[in-house]
C-alpha cells in the first residue's frame, strides 16, 4: 500500500510535451531583440520559470528592456505552436487511467494555457475542477505556495502527497513545502535535477509502481 494519498502533477513537461515548443517560441522571439539563444540554451535558462522571470533573464542578456507587448506576442505565437504540435507526454494517459489515488495539476502557467494544452491532448476532463495556477495566487515556484494550496484544496497534508515535477524550480518548491517529489528526467538534458528530487525516473511507465511501492 502506498504511503501517499494524493498525487500533484506539474503540467508542462510532465503531462504535456510543451517545453521544447514554448522555449522554441520564446527563444525565437527573444532572438529578434538580440538574445542569440539556441533551443538547448533556452531550455536550460527558462525551464520551470515564470514569464516575468523569463523576461527579466532576456532583458539581462540583451541589456535593455523588451517592448511592452513582448508577453502578448509570445502568448499568441505559443498558442499557435501548441495547437499545431502539442502532444501528451508518452505514457501519461495510461498512468492517469490506472491511478487509484486522487490527483490534480499545479502549474506556473495561466489556467487558460493549462486548459488549452490539456484540452488539445485529451487530458482536460481528467483534471476538471482540480487545476491550480500560480497566477491565481500570484506566487510562483520555487515558492511552495502553489503546492500547499493544491494539497489543502484536495484535502491532504504535504506529507500525504507526492509531487511529479520536471524542473529544478518545481522540485525546489515541492521540497520547500515539505512534499516528496519525483523528478521526471526524460527531457532533463542538462542534468539540472540530478540528486535533488526524492527519486528520479525517466519514463511514465515507471510511475505507478514508484507511487505504489513508496515507503
N, C-alpha and C. Protein backbone atom coordinates (compact mmCIF):
# COMPACT_ATOMS: atom_id res chain seq x y z
N UNK A 1 0.84 -1.20 0.00
CA UNK A 1 0.00 0.00 0.00
C UNK A 1 0.88 1.25 0.00
N UNK A 2 0.52 2.22 -0.83
CA UNK A 2 1.34 3.42 -0.98
C UNK A 2 1.28 4.29 0.28
N UNK A 3 2.37 4.96 0.58
CA UNK A 3 2.40 5.93 1.68
C UNK A 3 1.65 7.21 1.31
N UNK A 4 1.36 7.40 0.01
CA UNK A 4 0.75 8.64 -0.46
C UNK A 4 -0.76 8.51 -0.59
N UNK A 5 -1.44 9.65 -0.44
CA UNK A 5 -2.90 9.69 -0.58
C UNK A 5 -3.33 10.59 -1.75
N UNK A 6 -2.36 11.33 -2.32
CA UNK A 6 -2.69 12.27 -3.39
C UNK A 6 -1.46 12.50 -4.26
N UNK A 7 -1.68 12.68 -5.55
CA UNK A 7 -0.59 12.96 -6.49
C UNK A 7 -0.82 14.33 -7.11
N UNK A 8 0.20 15.19 -7.05
CA UNK A 8 0.12 16.53 -7.62
C UNK A 8 1.08 16.60 -8.82
N UNK A 9 0.52 16.77 -10.01
CA UNK A 9 1.32 16.83 -11.23
C UNK A 9 1.62 18.27 -11.61
N UNK A 10 2.85 18.54 -12.02
CA UNK A 10 3.14 19.74 -12.81
C UNK A 10 2.49 19.52 -14.17
N UNK A 11 2.37 20.57 -14.97
CA UNK A 11 1.73 20.42 -16.28
C UNK A 11 2.74 20.34 -17.42
N UNK A 12 3.43 21.44 -17.70
CA UNK A 12 4.36 21.49 -18.83
C UNK A 12 5.55 20.56 -18.61
N UNK A 13 5.73 19.63 -19.54
CA UNK A 13 6.85 18.70 -19.45
C UNK A 13 6.57 17.47 -18.62
N UNK A 14 5.41 17.44 -17.94
CA UNK A 14 5.01 16.27 -17.14
C UNK A 14 3.74 15.64 -17.69
N UNK A 15 2.75 16.48 -18.00
CA UNK A 15 1.51 16.00 -18.62
C UNK A 15 1.52 16.23 -20.13
N UNK A 16 2.00 17.39 -20.54
CA UNK A 16 2.02 17.74 -21.97
C UNK A 16 3.45 18.06 -22.40
N UNK A 17 3.75 17.66 -23.63
CA UNK A 17 5.11 17.80 -24.15
C UNK A 17 5.26 19.19 -24.77
N UNK A 18 5.35 20.20 -23.92
CA UNK A 18 5.28 21.59 -24.36
C UNK A 18 6.58 22.36 -24.18
N UNK A 19 7.54 21.81 -23.45
CA UNK A 19 8.74 22.59 -23.11
C UNK A 19 9.52 23.02 -24.36
N UNK A 20 9.76 22.09 -25.28
CA UNK A 20 10.52 22.45 -26.49
C UNK A 20 9.75 23.45 -27.34
N UNK A 21 8.42 23.27 -27.41
CA UNK A 21 7.60 24.20 -28.20
C UNK A 21 7.63 25.60 -27.60
N UNK A 22 7.35 25.70 -26.30
CA UNK A 22 7.27 27.03 -25.68
C UNK A 22 8.64 27.71 -25.65
N UNK A 23 9.68 26.94 -25.35
CA UNK A 23 11.02 27.54 -25.31
C UNK A 23 11.54 27.87 -26.70
N UNK A 24 11.11 27.11 -27.70
CA UNK A 24 11.46 27.44 -29.08
C UNK A 24 10.86 28.77 -29.50
N UNK A 25 9.58 28.95 -29.19
CA UNK A 25 8.92 30.22 -29.50
C UNK A 25 9.57 31.36 -28.72
N UNK A 26 9.83 31.14 -27.44
CA UNK A 26 10.41 32.18 -26.60
C UNK A 26 11.80 32.59 -27.07
N UNK A 27 12.63 31.59 -27.41
CA UNK A 27 13.99 31.92 -27.87
C UNK A 27 13.96 32.61 -29.23
N UNK A 28 13.10 32.15 -30.14
CA UNK A 28 12.99 32.81 -31.46
C UNK A 28 12.59 34.27 -31.30
N UNK A 29 11.64 34.51 -30.41
CA UNK A 29 11.17 35.88 -30.20
C UNK A 29 12.26 36.71 -29.51
N UNK A 30 12.90 36.13 -28.50
CA UNK A 30 13.98 36.84 -27.81
C UNK A 30 15.13 37.16 -28.76
N UNK A 31 15.39 36.26 -29.69
CA UNK A 31 16.49 36.47 -30.64
C UNK A 31 16.22 37.65 -31.58
N UNK A 32 14.97 37.98 -31.78
CA UNK A 32 14.64 39.16 -32.59
C UNK A 32 15.11 40.45 -31.91
N UNK A 33 15.36 40.34 -30.60
CA UNK A 33 15.82 41.51 -29.84
C UNK A 33 17.28 41.36 -29.40
N UNK A 34 17.97 40.35 -29.99
CA UNK A 34 19.41 40.24 -29.78
C UNK A 34 19.86 39.25 -28.74
N UNK A 35 18.99 38.31 -28.33
CA UNK A 35 19.36 37.38 -27.25
C UNK A 35 20.34 36.30 -27.70
N UNK A 36 20.28 35.90 -28.96
CA UNK A 36 21.22 34.93 -29.52
C UNK A 36 21.21 33.60 -28.76
N UNK A 37 20.01 33.02 -28.61
CA UNK A 37 19.85 31.75 -27.89
C UNK A 37 19.48 30.63 -28.86
N UNK A 38 20.06 29.44 -28.64
CA UNK A 38 19.53 28.27 -29.34
C UNK A 38 18.57 27.55 -28.40
N UNK A 39 17.90 26.51 -28.90
CA UNK A 39 16.85 25.87 -28.11
C UNK A 39 17.40 25.25 -26.83
N UNK A 40 18.54 24.57 -26.90
CA UNK A 40 19.12 23.95 -25.70
C UNK A 40 19.41 24.99 -24.62
N UNK A 41 20.00 26.10 -25.04
CA UNK A 41 20.31 27.16 -24.08
C UNK A 41 19.03 27.75 -23.48
N UNK A 42 18.00 27.87 -24.32
CA UNK A 42 16.72 28.43 -23.85
C UNK A 42 16.08 27.51 -22.81
N UNK A 43 16.11 26.21 -23.08
CA UNK A 43 15.52 25.27 -22.13
C UNK A 43 16.25 25.33 -20.80
N UNK A 44 17.57 25.38 -20.86
CA UNK A 44 18.36 25.45 -19.62
C UNK A 44 18.06 26.73 -18.85
N UNK A 45 17.86 27.83 -19.57
CA UNK A 45 17.67 29.14 -18.96
C UNK A 45 16.25 29.35 -18.43
N UNK A 46 15.25 28.84 -19.16
CA UNK A 46 13.86 29.21 -18.88
C UNK A 46 13.00 28.11 -18.26
N UNK A 47 13.44 26.87 -18.32
CA UNK A 47 12.57 25.76 -17.89
C UNK A 47 12.11 25.95 -16.45
N UNK A 48 10.79 25.90 -16.25
CA UNK A 48 10.23 26.00 -14.91
C UNK A 48 10.11 27.40 -14.37
N UNK A 49 10.50 28.40 -15.17
CA UNK A 49 10.48 29.80 -14.70
C UNK A 49 9.14 30.46 -15.03
N UNK A 50 8.76 31.41 -14.20
CA UNK A 50 7.58 32.22 -14.51
C UNK A 50 7.89 33.12 -15.71
N UNK A 51 6.83 33.62 -16.35
CA UNK A 51 7.02 34.50 -17.51
C UNK A 51 7.80 35.75 -17.12
N UNK A 52 7.49 36.31 -15.95
CA UNK A 52 8.22 37.51 -15.51
C UNK A 52 9.71 37.24 -15.36
N UNK A 53 10.04 36.06 -14.81
CA UNK A 53 11.45 35.70 -14.67
C UNK A 53 12.11 35.52 -16.02
N UNK A 54 11.40 34.89 -16.97
CA UNK A 54 11.95 34.73 -18.33
C UNK A 54 12.25 36.08 -18.96
N UNK A 55 11.32 37.00 -18.82
CA UNK A 55 11.51 38.35 -19.39
C UNK A 55 12.70 39.04 -18.74
N UNK A 56 12.83 38.92 -17.42
CA UNK A 56 13.98 39.51 -16.72
C UNK A 56 15.30 38.91 -17.24
N UNK A 57 15.32 37.61 -17.45
CA UNK A 57 16.54 36.95 -17.93
C UNK A 57 16.89 37.41 -19.35
N UNK A 58 15.88 37.57 -20.20
CA UNK A 58 16.13 38.04 -21.56
C UNK A 58 16.65 39.47 -21.54
N UNK A 59 16.03 40.31 -20.72
CA UNK A 59 16.46 41.71 -20.63
C UNK A 59 17.88 41.83 -20.11
N UNK A 60 18.26 40.92 -19.21
CA UNK A 60 19.65 40.89 -18.73
C UNK A 60 20.60 40.52 -19.86
N UNK A 61 20.18 39.54 -20.67
CA UNK A 61 21.01 39.10 -21.80
C UNK A 61 21.22 40.21 -22.82
N UNK A 62 20.15 40.91 -23.15
CA UNK A 62 20.23 41.92 -24.22
C UNK A 62 20.56 43.30 -23.68
N UNK A 63 20.56 43.41 -22.34
CA UNK A 63 20.95 44.66 -21.67
C UNK A 63 20.07 45.85 -22.06
N UNK A 64 18.78 45.57 -22.23
CA UNK A 64 17.80 46.64 -22.49
C UNK A 64 16.41 46.08 -22.25
N UNK A 65 15.42 46.95 -22.05
CA UNK A 65 14.06 46.46 -21.81
C UNK A 65 13.46 45.87 -23.09
N UNK A 66 12.62 44.87 -22.92
CA UNK A 66 11.84 44.35 -24.02
C UNK A 66 10.61 45.23 -24.23
N UNK A 67 10.01 45.21 -25.43
CA UNK A 67 8.80 46.00 -25.63
C UNK A 67 7.65 45.52 -24.73
N UNK A 68 6.73 46.41 -24.44
CA UNK A 68 5.66 46.08 -23.51
C UNK A 68 4.77 44.94 -24.00
N UNK A 69 4.71 44.76 -25.31
CA UNK A 69 3.83 43.71 -25.84
C UNK A 69 4.57 42.38 -26.06
N UNK A 70 5.77 42.26 -25.50
CA UNK A 70 6.55 41.02 -25.70
C UNK A 70 5.76 39.80 -25.22
N UNK A 71 5.21 39.87 -24.02
CA UNK A 71 4.47 38.71 -23.50
C UNK A 71 3.26 38.40 -24.37
N UNK A 72 2.56 39.42 -24.81
CA UNK A 72 1.39 39.20 -25.67
C UNK A 72 1.80 38.53 -26.99
N UNK A 73 2.94 38.99 -27.55
CA UNK A 73 3.46 38.34 -28.77
C UNK A 73 3.74 36.86 -28.50
N UNK A 74 4.41 36.60 -27.38
CA UNK A 74 4.75 35.22 -27.02
C UNK A 74 3.50 34.37 -26.86
N UNK A 75 2.49 34.88 -26.16
CA UNK A 75 1.27 34.12 -25.92
C UNK A 75 0.61 33.74 -27.25
N UNK A 76 0.53 34.69 -28.16
CA UNK A 76 -0.10 34.43 -29.45
C UNK A 76 0.66 33.37 -30.24
N UNK A 77 1.98 33.52 -30.33
CA UNK A 77 2.80 32.58 -31.11
C UNK A 77 2.84 31.20 -30.46
N UNK A 78 2.92 31.15 -29.13
CA UNK A 78 2.99 29.85 -28.46
C UNK A 78 1.67 29.10 -28.59
N UNK A 79 0.55 29.81 -28.52
CA UNK A 79 -0.74 29.14 -28.68
C UNK A 79 -0.86 28.53 -30.08
N UNK A 80 -0.35 29.24 -31.09
CA UNK A 80 -0.35 28.69 -32.45
C UNK A 80 0.50 27.42 -32.51
N UNK A 81 1.65 27.45 -31.85
CA UNK A 81 2.54 26.28 -31.85
C UNK A 81 1.90 25.10 -31.12
N UNK A 82 1.26 25.38 -29.99
CA UNK A 82 0.60 24.31 -29.23
C UNK A 82 -0.51 23.67 -30.06
N UNK A 83 -1.33 24.52 -30.70
CA UNK A 83 -2.45 24.00 -31.49
C UNK A 83 -1.96 23.10 -32.64
N UNK A 84 -0.79 23.42 -33.16
CA UNK A 84 -0.26 22.64 -34.29
C UNK A 84 0.50 21.39 -33.86
N UNK A 85 1.16 21.42 -32.69
CA UNK A 85 2.15 20.38 -32.40
C UNK A 85 2.06 19.70 -31.03
N UNK A 86 1.25 20.20 -30.10
CA UNK A 86 1.29 19.67 -28.74
C UNK A 86 0.88 18.20 -28.68
N UNK A 87 1.57 17.44 -27.84
CA UNK A 87 1.24 16.03 -27.62
C UNK A 87 1.27 15.75 -26.12
N UNK A 88 0.54 14.72 -25.67
CA UNK A 88 0.68 14.31 -24.27
C UNK A 88 2.04 13.66 -24.06
N UNK A 89 2.58 13.75 -22.85
CA UNK A 89 3.80 13.03 -22.52
C UNK A 89 3.55 11.53 -22.70
N UNK A 90 4.51 10.85 -23.32
CA UNK A 90 4.35 9.43 -23.60
C UNK A 90 4.06 8.64 -22.31
N UNK A 91 2.96 7.90 -22.31
CA UNK A 91 2.62 7.05 -21.18
C UNK A 91 1.75 7.70 -20.13
N UNK A 92 1.52 9.02 -20.22
CA UNK A 92 0.79 9.69 -19.13
C UNK A 92 -0.69 9.32 -19.12
N UNK A 93 -1.28 9.09 -20.28
CA UNK A 93 -2.71 8.71 -20.30
C UNK A 93 -2.93 7.40 -19.55
N UNK A 94 -2.02 6.45 -19.77
CA UNK A 94 -2.13 5.16 -19.08
C UNK A 94 -1.98 5.33 -17.57
N UNK A 95 -1.07 6.21 -17.15
CA UNK A 95 -0.90 6.49 -15.72
C UNK A 95 -2.19 7.04 -15.13
N UNK A 96 -2.77 8.03 -15.78
CA UNK A 96 -3.97 8.68 -15.25
C UNK A 96 -5.16 7.72 -15.25
N UNK A 97 -5.24 6.86 -16.25
CA UNK A 97 -6.35 5.90 -16.33
C UNK A 97 -6.27 4.85 -15.22
N UNK A 98 -5.05 4.55 -14.78
CA UNK A 98 -4.87 3.48 -13.80
C UNK A 98 -4.61 3.97 -12.38
N UNK A 99 -4.36 5.27 -12.24
CA UNK A 99 -4.04 5.82 -10.92
C UNK A 99 -5.28 5.80 -10.02
N UNK A 100 -5.16 5.15 -8.88
CA UNK A 100 -6.32 5.00 -7.99
C UNK A 100 -6.38 6.06 -6.91
N UNK A 101 -5.34 6.89 -6.80
CA UNK A 101 -5.33 7.97 -5.81
C UNK A 101 -5.92 9.24 -6.42
N UNK A 102 -6.47 10.14 -5.59
CA UNK A 102 -6.86 11.46 -6.10
C UNK A 102 -5.64 12.18 -6.68
N UNK A 103 -5.86 12.97 -7.73
CA UNK A 103 -4.75 13.71 -8.33
C UNK A 103 -5.23 15.04 -8.87
N UNK A 104 -4.26 15.96 -9.05
CA UNK A 104 -4.56 17.30 -9.56
C UNK A 104 -3.34 17.81 -10.31
N UNK A 105 -3.44 19.03 -10.83
CA UNK A 105 -2.31 19.66 -11.52
C UNK A 105 -2.05 21.02 -10.90
N UNK A 106 -0.78 21.32 -10.65
CA UNK A 106 -0.35 22.60 -10.07
C UNK A 106 0.76 23.16 -10.94
N UNK A 107 0.51 24.30 -11.58
CA UNK A 107 1.40 24.78 -12.63
C UNK A 107 1.69 26.27 -12.50
N UNK A 108 2.85 26.67 -13.01
CA UNK A 108 3.20 28.09 -13.11
C UNK A 108 2.47 28.76 -14.26
N UNK A 109 1.82 27.97 -15.10
CA UNK A 109 1.17 28.51 -16.29
C UNK A 109 -0.18 29.14 -15.97
N UNK A 110 -0.64 30.01 -16.85
CA UNK A 110 -2.00 30.52 -16.78
C UNK A 110 -2.98 29.36 -16.86
N UNK A 111 -4.11 29.48 -16.16
CA UNK A 111 -5.10 28.41 -16.26
C UNK A 111 -5.59 28.25 -17.69
N UNK A 112 -5.70 29.34 -18.43
CA UNK A 112 -6.14 29.26 -19.83
C UNK A 112 -5.17 28.43 -20.67
N UNK A 113 -3.87 28.57 -20.39
CA UNK A 113 -2.86 27.77 -21.12
C UNK A 113 -2.97 26.30 -20.73
N UNK A 114 -3.15 26.03 -19.43
CA UNK A 114 -3.34 24.65 -18.99
C UNK A 114 -4.55 24.03 -19.68
N UNK A 115 -5.65 24.78 -19.69
CA UNK A 115 -6.89 24.28 -20.28
C UNK A 115 -6.70 24.00 -21.78
N UNK A 116 -6.03 24.92 -22.46
CA UNK A 116 -5.77 24.73 -23.89
C UNK A 116 -4.99 23.45 -24.14
N UNK A 117 -3.84 23.33 -23.46
CA UNK A 117 -2.95 22.20 -23.74
C UNK A 117 -3.50 20.87 -23.25
N UNK A 118 -4.15 20.87 -22.09
CA UNK A 118 -4.77 19.63 -21.61
C UNK A 118 -5.94 19.25 -22.50
N UNK A 119 -6.65 20.27 -23.01
CA UNK A 119 -7.75 20.00 -23.93
C UNK A 119 -7.27 19.44 -25.26
N UNK A 120 -6.22 20.04 -25.81
CA UNK A 120 -5.67 19.59 -27.09
C UNK A 120 -5.14 18.16 -27.03
N UNK A 121 -4.68 17.76 -25.84
CA UNK A 121 -4.09 16.42 -25.69
C UNK A 121 -5.08 15.40 -25.11
N UNK A 122 -6.33 15.81 -24.92
CA UNK A 122 -7.35 14.89 -24.44
C UNK A 122 -7.26 14.56 -22.96
N UNK A 123 -6.61 15.43 -22.19
CA UNK A 123 -6.42 15.17 -20.75
C UNK A 123 -7.30 16.03 -19.85
N UNK A 124 -7.93 17.06 -20.39
CA UNK A 124 -8.58 18.06 -19.55
C UNK A 124 -9.68 17.47 -18.68
N UNK A 125 -10.47 16.54 -19.23
CA UNK A 125 -11.58 16.00 -18.45
C UNK A 125 -11.11 15.29 -17.19
N UNK A 126 -9.88 14.80 -17.19
CA UNK A 126 -9.35 14.10 -16.02
C UNK A 126 -9.01 15.07 -14.88
N UNK A 127 -8.86 16.37 -15.21
CA UNK A 127 -8.42 17.36 -14.21
C UNK A 127 -9.46 18.44 -13.93
N UNK A 128 -10.63 18.34 -14.52
CA UNK A 128 -11.62 19.39 -14.35
C UNK A 128 -11.92 19.62 -12.87
N UNK A 129 -11.85 20.91 -12.46
CA UNK A 129 -12.08 21.25 -11.06
C UNK A 129 -10.87 21.07 -10.18
N UNK A 130 -9.76 20.62 -10.76
CA UNK A 130 -8.54 20.36 -9.98
C UNK A 130 -7.31 20.94 -10.68
N UNK A 131 -7.49 22.14 -11.25
CA UNK A 131 -6.39 22.86 -11.89
C UNK A 131 -5.98 24.03 -10.99
N UNK A 132 -4.72 24.06 -10.60
CA UNK A 132 -4.22 25.10 -9.71
C UNK A 132 -3.09 25.87 -10.42
N UNK A 133 -3.31 27.17 -10.59
CA UNK A 133 -2.36 28.02 -11.32
C UNK A 133 -1.70 29.03 -10.38
N UNK A 134 -0.40 29.20 -10.55
CA UNK A 134 0.33 30.20 -9.77
C UNK A 134 -0.24 31.60 -9.98
N UNK A 135 -0.82 31.84 -11.16
CA UNK A 135 -1.36 33.17 -11.45
C UNK A 135 -2.53 33.51 -10.52
N UNK A 136 -3.26 32.49 -10.07
CA UNK A 136 -4.40 32.73 -9.19
C UNK A 136 -3.95 33.29 -7.85
N UNK A 137 -2.83 32.80 -7.35
CA UNK A 137 -2.34 33.23 -6.03
C UNK A 137 -1.16 34.21 -6.13
N UNK A 138 -0.70 34.45 -7.39
CA UNK A 138 0.40 35.40 -7.63
C UNK A 138 1.67 35.03 -6.87
N UNK A 139 1.93 33.74 -6.78
CA UNK A 139 3.18 33.24 -6.20
C UNK A 139 3.67 32.10 -7.09
N UNK A 140 4.95 32.16 -7.43
CA UNK A 140 5.50 31.22 -8.40
C UNK A 140 6.59 30.35 -7.80
N UNK A 141 6.72 29.14 -8.34
CA UNK A 141 7.83 28.26 -7.98
C UNK A 141 9.14 29.03 -8.20
N UNK A 142 10.12 28.91 -7.32
CA UNK A 142 10.32 27.91 -6.27
C UNK A 142 9.62 28.18 -4.94
N UNK A 143 8.73 29.19 -4.88
CA UNK A 143 7.87 29.34 -3.70
C UNK A 143 6.95 28.12 -3.63
N UNK A 144 6.81 27.49 -2.47
CA UNK A 144 5.98 26.28 -2.38
C UNK A 144 4.48 26.53 -2.34
N UNK A 145 4.05 27.80 -2.41
CA UNK A 145 2.65 28.15 -2.18
C UNK A 145 1.68 27.39 -3.08
N UNK A 146 2.05 27.20 -4.34
CA UNK A 146 1.14 26.54 -5.29
C UNK A 146 0.86 25.09 -4.87
N UNK A 147 1.88 24.40 -4.38
CA UNK A 147 1.70 23.01 -3.96
C UNK A 147 0.94 22.93 -2.64
N UNK A 148 1.21 23.87 -1.75
CA UNK A 148 0.49 23.91 -0.48
C UNK A 148 -1.00 24.18 -0.70
N UNK A 149 -1.30 25.08 -1.62
CA UNK A 149 -2.69 25.40 -1.96
C UNK A 149 -3.38 24.19 -2.59
N UNK A 150 -2.69 23.54 -3.51
CA UNK A 150 -3.27 22.36 -4.17
C UNK A 150 -3.55 21.26 -3.16
N UNK A 151 -2.59 20.97 -2.30
CA UNK A 151 -2.76 19.91 -1.30
C UNK A 151 -3.93 20.22 -0.38
N UNK A 152 -3.97 21.46 0.13
CA UNK A 152 -5.05 21.84 1.05
C UNK A 152 -6.42 21.75 0.36
N UNK A 153 -6.48 22.21 -0.90
CA UNK A 153 -7.73 22.16 -1.64
C UNK A 153 -8.19 20.74 -1.89
N UNK A 154 -7.24 19.84 -2.07
CA UNK A 154 -7.56 18.43 -2.28
C UNK A 154 -7.88 17.71 -0.97
N UNK A 155 -7.57 18.36 0.18
CA UNK A 155 -7.89 17.80 1.48
C UNK A 155 -6.78 16.98 2.11
N UNK A 156 -5.52 17.28 1.74
CA UNK A 156 -4.40 16.49 2.25
C UNK A 156 -3.28 17.37 2.78
N UNK A 157 -2.46 16.79 3.65
CA UNK A 157 -1.26 17.44 4.17
C UNK A 157 -0.10 17.19 3.20
N UNK A 158 0.93 18.07 3.21
CA UNK A 158 2.05 17.87 2.30
C UNK A 158 2.67 16.47 2.38
N UNK A 159 2.80 15.96 3.60
CA UNK A 159 3.46 14.65 3.75
C UNK A 159 2.61 13.50 3.22
N UNK A 160 1.34 13.77 2.91
CA UNK A 160 0.46 12.74 2.34
C UNK A 160 0.47 12.76 0.81
N UNK A 161 1.17 13.73 0.24
CA UNK A 161 1.16 13.93 -1.21
C UNK A 161 2.53 13.65 -1.81
N UNK A 162 2.53 13.32 -3.10
CA UNK A 162 3.77 13.29 -3.87
C UNK A 162 3.59 14.21 -5.07
N UNK A 163 4.61 15.01 -5.34
CA UNK A 163 4.60 15.94 -6.46
C UNK A 163 5.42 15.34 -7.61
N UNK A 164 4.92 15.46 -8.83
CA UNK A 164 5.64 14.98 -10.01
C UNK A 164 6.11 16.21 -10.78
N UNK A 165 7.41 16.39 -10.88
CA UNK A 165 7.99 17.62 -11.46
C UNK A 165 9.10 17.29 -12.45
N UNK A 166 9.36 18.23 -13.36
CA UNK A 166 10.47 18.04 -14.31
C UNK A 166 11.45 19.21 -14.31
N UNK A 167 11.22 20.21 -13.44
CA UNK A 167 12.12 21.37 -13.42
C UNK A 167 12.74 21.55 -12.05
N UNK A 168 13.91 22.17 -12.03
CA UNK A 168 14.62 22.42 -10.77
C UNK A 168 13.79 23.33 -9.86
N UNK A 169 13.18 24.37 -10.44
CA UNK A 169 12.39 25.29 -9.60
C UNK A 169 11.18 24.58 -9.01
N UNK A 170 10.59 23.66 -9.77
CA UNK A 170 9.45 22.90 -9.26
C UNK A 170 9.84 21.93 -8.16
N UNK A 171 10.96 21.24 -8.36
CA UNK A 171 11.46 20.32 -7.33
C UNK A 171 11.79 21.10 -6.06
N UNK A 172 12.44 22.24 -6.21
CA UNK A 172 12.80 23.08 -5.06
C UNK A 172 11.56 23.55 -4.31
N UNK A 173 10.53 23.94 -5.06
CA UNK A 173 9.28 24.39 -4.45
C UNK A 173 8.63 23.28 -3.65
N UNK A 174 8.56 22.09 -4.23
CA UNK A 174 7.93 20.97 -3.54
C UNK A 174 8.67 20.62 -2.26
N UNK A 175 9.99 20.55 -2.34
CA UNK A 175 10.78 20.21 -1.15
C UNK A 175 10.61 21.27 -0.06
N UNK A 176 10.56 22.55 -0.48
CA UNK A 176 10.40 23.64 0.49
C UNK A 176 9.06 23.55 1.20
N UNK A 177 8.06 22.96 0.53
CA UNK A 177 6.74 22.83 1.14
C UNK A 177 6.56 21.57 1.97
N UNK A 178 7.61 20.74 2.04
CA UNK A 178 7.54 19.52 2.84
C UNK A 178 6.99 18.32 2.09
N UNK A 179 7.01 18.38 0.76
CA UNK A 179 6.50 17.30 -0.08
C UNK A 179 7.62 16.37 -0.53
N UNK A 180 7.31 15.09 -0.68
CA UNK A 180 8.17 14.23 -1.50
C UNK A 180 7.94 14.64 -2.95
N UNK A 181 9.00 14.56 -3.77
CA UNK A 181 8.87 14.95 -5.17
C UNK A 181 9.63 13.97 -6.04
N UNK A 182 8.95 13.44 -7.05
CA UNK A 182 9.57 12.54 -8.02
C UNK A 182 9.96 13.36 -9.24
N UNK A 183 11.22 13.31 -9.61
CA UNK A 183 11.72 14.07 -10.74
C UNK A 183 11.65 13.28 -12.03
N UNK A 184 10.88 13.79 -13.00
CA UNK A 184 10.75 13.16 -14.32
C UNK A 184 11.88 13.69 -15.20
N UNK A 185 12.81 12.82 -15.58
CA UNK A 185 14.07 13.27 -16.17
C UNK A 185 14.21 12.97 -17.67
N UNK A 186 13.14 12.54 -18.33
CA UNK A 186 13.26 12.16 -19.76
C UNK A 186 13.84 13.30 -20.60
N UNK A 187 13.49 14.52 -20.27
CA UNK A 187 13.98 15.67 -21.04
C UNK A 187 14.92 16.56 -20.23
N UNK A 188 15.50 15.99 -19.18
CA UNK A 188 16.44 16.77 -18.35
C UNK A 188 17.83 16.74 -19.00
N UNK A 189 17.92 17.39 -20.16
CA UNK A 189 19.13 17.26 -20.99
C UNK A 189 20.36 17.90 -20.35
N UNK A 190 20.16 18.77 -19.39
CA UNK A 190 21.29 19.42 -18.73
C UNK A 190 21.53 18.88 -17.32
N UNK A 191 20.86 17.77 -16.99
CA UNK A 191 21.02 17.14 -15.66
C UNK A 191 20.80 18.12 -14.51
N UNK A 192 19.81 18.99 -14.68
CA UNK A 192 19.55 20.00 -13.65
C UNK A 192 18.89 19.40 -12.40
N UNK A 193 18.27 18.23 -12.55
CA UNK A 193 17.58 17.63 -11.42
C UNK A 193 18.45 16.69 -10.60
N UNK A 194 19.53 16.24 -11.14
CA UNK A 194 20.30 15.13 -10.58
C UNK A 194 20.57 15.32 -9.08
N UNK A 195 20.08 14.37 -8.28
CA UNK A 195 20.34 14.39 -6.85
C UNK A 195 19.39 15.23 -6.02
N UNK A 196 18.47 15.97 -6.67
CA UNK A 196 17.60 16.87 -5.91
C UNK A 196 16.24 16.26 -5.53
N UNK A 197 15.54 15.55 -6.44
CA UNK A 197 14.24 15.01 -6.05
C UNK A 197 14.36 13.86 -5.05
N UNK A 198 13.23 13.47 -4.47
CA UNK A 198 13.18 12.29 -3.60
C UNK A 198 13.66 11.07 -4.37
N UNK A 199 13.22 10.95 -5.61
CA UNK A 199 13.75 9.96 -6.53
C UNK A 199 13.56 10.46 -7.95
N UNK A 200 14.26 9.83 -8.89
CA UNK A 200 14.19 10.24 -10.30
C UNK A 200 13.72 9.07 -11.15
N UNK A 201 12.97 9.37 -12.21
CA UNK A 201 12.54 8.34 -13.15
C UNK A 201 12.49 8.95 -14.55
N UNK A 202 12.63 8.12 -15.57
CA UNK A 202 12.74 8.69 -16.92
C UNK A 202 11.67 8.24 -17.90
N UNK A 203 10.69 7.45 -17.43
CA UNK A 203 9.55 7.11 -18.29
C UNK A 203 8.31 6.97 -17.44
N UNK A 204 7.19 7.45 -17.97
CA UNK A 204 5.94 7.41 -17.20
C UNK A 204 5.49 5.99 -16.88
N UNK A 205 5.96 5.01 -17.66
CA UNK A 205 5.54 3.64 -17.35
C UNK A 205 6.14 3.12 -16.04
N UNK A 206 7.05 3.88 -15.44
CA UNK A 206 7.63 3.52 -14.14
C UNK A 206 6.84 4.11 -12.97
N UNK A 207 6.01 5.13 -13.26
CA UNK A 207 5.50 5.97 -12.18
C UNK A 207 4.53 5.26 -11.24
N UNK A 208 3.60 4.48 -11.77
CA UNK A 208 2.62 3.82 -10.90
C UNK A 208 3.28 2.92 -9.89
N UNK A 209 4.27 2.15 -10.32
CA UNK A 209 4.99 1.27 -9.39
C UNK A 209 5.73 2.08 -8.33
N UNK A 210 6.33 3.18 -8.74
CA UNK A 210 7.07 4.02 -7.79
C UNK A 210 6.14 4.60 -6.72
N UNK A 211 4.97 5.04 -7.15
CA UNK A 211 3.98 5.58 -6.19
C UNK A 211 3.47 4.47 -5.28
N UNK A 212 3.13 3.33 -5.87
CA UNK A 212 2.55 2.23 -5.12
C UNK A 212 3.51 1.66 -4.08
N UNK A 213 4.79 1.61 -4.45
CA UNK A 213 5.78 0.94 -3.58
C UNK A 213 6.56 1.87 -2.68
N UNK A 214 6.21 3.16 -2.71
CA UNK A 214 6.94 4.13 -1.89
C UNK A 214 6.75 3.80 -0.41
N UNK A 215 7.83 3.87 0.33
CA UNK A 215 7.82 3.58 1.78
C UNK A 215 8.03 4.87 2.57
